[in-house]
Amino acid sequence: MRHNDNLAAGIDDTIQYVTVIIGGQLFGLPISQVHDVFVPESVTRVPLAAPEVAGVLNLRGRIVTAIDMRKRLHLPARDANAQVMAVGIEHKGESYGLVIDQVGEVLRLSNDSMEPNPSNLDKRWAEISGGVHRLDGKLMIILDVTRLFGAMFEPMAAA
């Protein structure tokens, strides 16, 4: 146990998450990993790209690879007329936009309330999850960016 006062311990032991919805499921991204939230426009397809790569787009002068999180998680395609959002992140020096269904709120949660992945968590979600938080009857899956990209690009690296 640390010898900090309760206020300092409370600040040190929390993390902020940007919440997103993908296929009706609540996910959380540590806010420290989120650079932008935007509406993706004019995505250019990339020939021979992995199925989950929606294409590339120009975000304020930067070329960003758009990852369709529904395809990444093997979920049904969204309705063609559905509004989409994207969360801008960086991984290993590259910019990515995770295309999601909607952005929720920013939550500050205690690290103590984070739990390991439940044994019955769908394997598609477990492979990219860094744990879960239980929130008022809902399960928030924490997206682990390193695991997300590691699992996505492993088959290409092995080929």
C-alpha atoms as a PDB file:
ATOM      1  CA  MET A   1       0.000   0.000   0.000  1.00  0.00           C
ATOM      2  CA  ARG A   2       1.259   3.448  -0.845  1.00  0.00           C
ATOM      3  CA  HIS A   3       1.518   6.120   1.789  1.00  0.00           C
ATOM      4  CA  ASN A   4      -0.341   8.771  -0.240  1.00  0.00           C
ATOM      5  CA  ASP A   5      -3.367  10.511   1.111  1.00  0.00           C
ATOM      6  CA  ASN A   6      -6.750   9.342  -0.174  1.00  0.00           C
ATOM      7  CA  LEU A   7      -7.115  12.186  -2.678  1.00  0.00           C
ATOM      8  CA  ALA A   8      -3.767  11.515  -4.330  1.00  0.00           C
ATOM      9  CA  ALA A   9      -4.415   7.764  -4.320  1.00  0.00           C
ATOM     10  CA  GLY A  10      -7.799   8.363  -5.957  1.00  0.00           C
ATOM     11  CA  ILE A  11      -6.221  10.367  -8.772  1.00  0.00           C
ATOM     12  CA  ASP A  12      -3.338   7.923  -9.246  1.00  0.00           C
ATOM     13  CA  ASP A  13      -5.609   4.889  -9.326  1.00  0.00           C
ATOM     14  CA  THR A  14      -8.019   5.987 -12.051  1.00  0.00           C
ATOM     15  CA  ILE A  15      -7.915   6.003 -15.811  1.00  0.00           C
ATOM     16  CA  GLN A  16     -10.069   7.885 -18.295  1.00  0.00           C
ATOM     17  CA  TYR A  17     -11.646   6.011 -21.194  1.00  0.00           C
ATOM     18  CA  VAL A  18     -13.282   7.274 -24.366  1.00  0.00           C
ATOM     19  CA  THR A  19     -16.263   4.956 -24.798  1.00  0.00           C
ATOM     20  CA  VAL A  20     -17.343   3.728 -28.214  1.00  0.00           C
ATOM     21  CA  ILE A  21     -20.095   1.456 -29.493  1.00  0.00           C
ATOM     22  CA  ILE A  22     -19.356  -1.231 -32.082  1.00  0.00           C
ATOM     23  CA  GLY A  23     -22.173  -3.588 -33.032  1.00  0.00           C
ATOM     24  CA  GLY A  24     -24.119  -2.693 -29.889  1.00  0.00           C
ATOM     25  CA  GLN A  25     -21.180  -3.518 -27.576  1.00  0.00           C
ATOM     26  CA  LEU A  26     -19.559  -0.918 -25.321  1.00  0.00           C
ATOM     27  CA  PHE A  27     -15.779  -0.604 -25.632  1.00  0.00           C
ATOM     28  CA  GLY A  28     -13.351   1.738 -23.895  1.00  0.00           C
ATOM     29  CA  LEU A  29     -10.107   3.211 -25.218  1.00  0.00           C
ATOM     30  CA  PRO A  30      -7.691   4.791 -22.746  1.00  0.00           C
ATOM     31  CA  ILE A  31      -7.988   8.515 -23.423  1.00  0.00           C
ATOM     32  CA  SER A  32      -4.191   8.817 -23.570  1.00  0.00           C
ATOM     33  CA  GLN A  33      -4.271   6.807 -26.819  1.00  0.00           C
ATOM     34  CA  VAL A  34      -7.004   8.863 -28.528  1.00  0.00           C
ATOM     35  CA  HIS A  35      -5.819  11.796 -30.661  1.00  0.00           C
ATOM     36  CA  ASP A  36      -8.994  12.665 -32.598  1.00  0.00           C
ATOM     37  CA  VAL A  37     -12.677  11.864 -32.901  1.00  0.00           C
ATOM     38  CA  PHE A  38     -14.019  12.570 -36.377  1.00  0.00           C
ATOM     39  CA  VAL A  39     -16.496  11.653 -39.105  1.00  0.00           C
ATOM     40  CA  PRO A  40     -14.546   9.812 -41.818  1.00  0.00           C
ATOM     41  CA  GLU A  41     -15.115  11.245 -45.289  1.00  0.00           C
ATOM     42  CA  SER A  42     -13.962  10.103 -48.723  1.00  0.00           C
ATOM     43  CA  VAL A  43     -12.169   6.922 -47.738  1.00  0.00           C
ATOM     44  CA  THR A  44     -10.040   5.619 -50.629  1.00  0.00           C
ATOM     45  CA  ARG A  45      -9.915   1.830 -50.945  1.00  0.00           C
ATOM     46  CA  VAL A  46      -6.483   0.211 -50.973  1.00  0.00           C
ATOM     47  CA  PRO A  47      -6.060  -2.703 -53.415  1.00  0.00           C
ATOM     48  CA  LEU A  48      -5.130  -6.033 -51.798  1.00  0.00           C
ATOM     49  CA  ALA A  49      -5.436  -4.599 -48.268  1.00  0.00           C
ATOM     50  CA  ALA A  50      -6.645  -6.766 -45.400  1.00  0.00           C
ATOM     51  CA  PRO A  51     -10.470  -6.975 -45.289  1.00  0.00           C
ATOM     52  CA  GLU A  52     -10.641  -4.849 -42.128  1.00  0.00           C
ATOM     53  CA  VAL A  53      -8.745  -2.002 -43.801  1.00  0.00           C
ATOM     54  CA  ALA A  54     -11.524   0.253 -45.080  1.00  0.00           C
ATOM     55  CA  GLY A  55      -8.932   2.367 -46.924  1.00  0.00           C
ATOM     56  CA  VAL A  56      -7.027   5.579 -46.354  1.00  0.00           C
ATOM     57  CA  LEU A  57      -8.209   9.116 -45.758  1.00  0.00           C
ATOM     58  CA  ASN A  58      -6.767  12.567 -45.375  1.00  0.00           C
ATOM     59  CA  LEU A  59      -7.188  13.949 -41.871  1.00  0.00           C
ATOM     60  CA  ARG A  60      -5.932  17.536 -41.662  1.00  0.00           C
ATOM     61  CA  GLY A  61      -3.061  16.803 -44.028  1.00  0.00           C
ATOM     62  CA  ARG A  62      -2.126  13.403 -42.602  1.00  0.00           C
ATOM     63  CA  ILE A  63      -2.750  10.120 -44.401  1.00  0.00           C
ATOM     64  CA  VAL A  64      -4.652   7.867 -42.004  1.00  0.00           C
ATOM     65  CA  THR A  65      -5.402   4.161 -42.434  1.00  0.00           C
ATOM     66  CA  ALA A  66      -9.084   3.536 -41.686  1.00  0.00           C
ATOM     67  CA  ILE A  67      -9.808   0.258 -39.868  1.00  0.00           C
ATOM     68  CA  ASP A  68     -13.427  -0.947 -40.008  1.00  0.00           C
ATOM     69  CA  MET A  69     -13.892  -2.282 -36.492  1.00  0.00           C
ATOM     70  CA  ARG A  70     -17.036  -4.219 -37.462  1.00  0.00           C
ATOM     71  CA  LYS A  71     -15.016  -6.186 -40.012  1.00  0.00           C
ATOM     72  CA  ARG A  72     -12.125  -6.486 -37.575  1.00  0.00           C
ATOM     73  CA  LEU A  73     -14.492  -8.088 -35.043  1.00  0.00           C
ATOM     74  CA  HIS A  74     -16.290 -10.216 -37.695  1.00  0.00           C
ATOM     75  CA  LEU A  75     -19.601  -8.464 -37.030  1.00  0.00           C
ATOM     76  CA  PRO A  76     -22.333  -7.900 -39.613  1.00  0.00           C
ATOM     77  CA  ALA A  77     -21.831  -4.872 -41.852  1.00  0.00           C
ATOM     78  CA  ARG A  78     -23.559  -1.705 -40.745  1.00  0.00           C
ATOM     79  CA  ASP A  79     -26.531  -0.340 -42.669  1.00  0.00           C
ATOM     80  CA  ALA A  80     -25.316   1.559 -45.752  1.00  0.00           C
ATOM     81  CA  ASN A  81     -27.082   4.732 -44.572  1.00  0.00           C
ATOM     82  CA  ALA A  82     -25.793   4.537 -40.987  1.00  0.00           C
ATOM     83  CA  GLN A  83     -23.740   7.428 -39.657  1.00  0.00           C
ATOM     84  CA  VAL A  84     -20.240   6.353 -38.664  1.00  0.00           C
ATOM     85  CA  MET A  85     -17.566   7.904 -36.494  1.00  0.00           C
ATOM     86  CA  ALA A  86     -13.854   7.280 -36.167  1.00  0.00           C
ATOM     87  CA  VAL A  87     -11.392   7.485 -33.332  1.00  0.00           C
ATOM     88  CA  GLY A  88      -7.891   8.609 -34.316  1.00  0.00           C
ATOM     89  CA  ILE A  89      -5.010   6.766 -32.684  1.00  0.00           C
ATOM     90  CA  GLU A  90      -1.320   6.193 -33.362  1.00  0.00           C
ATOM     91  CA  HIS A  91       0.458   2.860 -33.255  1.00  0.00           C
ATOM     92  CA  LYS A  92       4.177   2.424 -33.904  1.00  0.00           C
ATOM     93  CA  GLY A  93       4.404   5.854 -35.509  1.00  0.00           C
ATOM     94  CA  GLU A  94       1.483   5.318 -37.924  1.00  0.00           C
ATOM     95  CA  SER A  95      -1.891   7.102 -37.788  1.00  0.00           C
ATOM     96  CA  TYR A  96      -5.093   5.059 -37.810  1.00  0.00           C
ATOM     97  CA  GLY A  97      -8.788   5.818 -37.677  1.00  0.00           C
ATOM     98  CA  LEU A  98     -10.845   3.111 -35.981  1.00  0.00           C
ATOM     99  CA  VAL A  99     -14.222   3.268 -37.736  1.00  0.00           C
ATOM    100  CA  ILE A 100     -16.914   2.655 -35.136  1.00  0.00           C
ATOM    101  CA  ASP A 101     -20.681   3.024 -34.868  1.00  0.00           C
ATOM    102  CA  GLN A 102     -20.731   5.833 -32.319  1.00  0.00           C
ATOM    103  CA  VAL A 103     -18.694   7.625 -29.694  1.00  0.00           C
ATOM    104  CA  GLY A 104     -20.024   7.730 -26.163  1.00  0.00           C
ATOM    105  CA  GLU A 105     -18.766   9.672 -23.186  1.00  0.00           C
ATOM    106  CA  VAL A 106     -15.483   9.937 -21.350  1.00  0.00           C
ATOM    107  CA  LEU A 107     -15.488   7.870 -18.158  1.00  0.00           C
ATOM    108  CA  ARG A 108     -13.029   8.031 -15.270  1.00  0.00           C
ATOM    109  CA  LEU A 109     -12.874   4.579 -13.702  1.00  0.00           C
ATOM    110  CA  SER A 110     -10.880   3.100 -10.876  1.00  0.00           C
ATOM    111  CA  ASN A 111      -8.124   0.680 -11.856  1.00  0.00           C
ATOM    112  CA  ASP A 112      -9.395  -1.485  -8.987  1.00  0.00           C
ATOM    113  CA  SER A 113     -12.707  -2.057 -10.824  1.00  0.00           C
ATOM    114  CA  MET A 114     -10.961  -3.473 -13.904  1.00  0.00           C
ATOM    115  CA  GLU A 115     -11.285  -7.258 -14.179  1.00  0.00           C
ATOM    116  CA  PRO A 116      -9.561  -9.809 -16.383  1.00  0.00           C
ATOM    117  CA  ASN A 117     -11.484 -10.999 -19.442  1.00  0.00           C
ATOM    118  CA  PRO A 118     -14.301 -13.354 -18.421  1.00  0.00           C
ATOM    119  CA  SER A 119     -13.715 -16.928 -19.580  1.00  0.00           C
ATOM    120  CA  ASN A 120     -16.910 -16.789 -21.678  1.00  0.00           C
ATOM    121  CA  LEU A 121     -15.955 -13.576 -23.521  1.00  0.00           C
ATOM    122  CA  ASP A 122     -16.171 -14.098 -27.291  1.00  0.00           C
ATOM    123  CA  LYS A 123     -12.688 -14.964 -28.567  1.00  0.00           C
ATOM    124  CA  ARG A 124     -12.880 -12.193 -31.207  1.00  0.00           C
ATOM    125  CA  TRP A 125     -13.222  -9.666 -28.403  1.00  0.00           C
ATOM    126  CA  ALA A 126     -10.874 -11.396 -25.948  1.00  0.00           C
ATOM    127  CA  GLU A 127      -7.973 -11.263 -28.414  1.00  0.00           C
ATOM    128  CA  ILE A 128      -8.083  -7.444 -28.472  1.00  0.00           C
ATOM    129  CA  SER A 129      -9.195  -6.817 -24.898  1.00  0.00           C
ATOM    130  CA  GLY A 130      -7.014  -5.660 -22.043  1.00  0.00           C
ATOM    131  CA  GLY A 131      -9.723  -6.420 -19.484  1.00  0.00           C
ATOM    132  CA  VAL A 132     -13.262  -5.330 -18.677  1.00  0.00           C
ATOM    133  CA  HIS A 133     -15.216  -3.014 -16.408  1.00  0.00           C
ATOM    134  CA  ARG A 134     -18.748  -3.845 -15.243  1.00  0.00           C
ATOM    135  CA  LEU A 135     -20.929  -0.730 -15.479  1.00  0.00           C
ATOM    136  CA  ASP A 136     -24.558  -0.761 -14.338  1.00  0.00           C
ATOM    137  CA  GLY A 137     -25.350  -4.130 -15.912  1.00  0.00           C
ATOM    138  CA  LYS A 138     -23.188  -3.496 -18.998  1.00  0.00           C
ATOM    139  CA  LEU A 139     -19.760  -4.856 -19.754  1.00  0.00           C
ATOM    140  CA  MET A 140     -17.219  -2.360 -21.113  1.00  0.00           C
ATOM    141  CA  ILE A 141     -14.424  -4.120 -22.979  1.00  0.00           C
ATOM    142  CA  ILE A 142     -11.118  -2.255 -22.847  1.00  0.00           C
ATOM    143  CA  LEU A 143      -9.537  -2.088 -26.304  1.00  0.00           C
ATOM    144  CA  ASP A 144      -5.827  -2.879 -26.112  1.00  0.00           C
ATOM    145  CA  VAL A 145      -4.350  -1.126 -29.171  1.00  0.00           C
ATOM    146  CA  THR A 146      -1.191  -3.254 -29.200  1.00  0.00           C
ATOM    147  CA  ARG A 147      -3.253  -6.455 -29.164  1.00  0.00           C
ATOM    148  CA  LEU A 148      -5.665  -5.023 -31.751  1.00  0.00           C
ATOM    149  CA  PHE A 149      -2.906  -4.440 -34.280  1.00  0.00           C
ATOM    150  CA  GLY A 150      -0.795  -7.435 -33.301  1.00  0.00           C
ATOM    151  CA  ALA A 151      -3.678  -9.836 -33.858  1.00  0.00           C
ATOM    152  CA  MET A 152      -4.743  -8.048 -37.050  1.00  0.00           C
ATOM    153  CA  PHE A 153      -1.380  -8.133 -38.756  1.00  0.00           C
ATOM    154  CA  GLU A 154      -0.066 -11.496 -37.460  1.00  0.00           C
ATOM    155  CA  PRO A 155      -1.439 -13.578 -40.355  1.00  0.00           C
ATOM    156  CA  MET A 156       0.114 -11.161 -42.887  1.00  0.00           C
ATOM    157  CA  ALA A 157       3.496 -11.349 -41.143  1.00  0.00           C
ATOM    158  CA  ALA A 158       3.392 -15.159 -41.106  1.00  0.00           C
ATOM    159  CA  ALA A 159       2.564 -15.378 -44.833  1.00  0.00           C
END
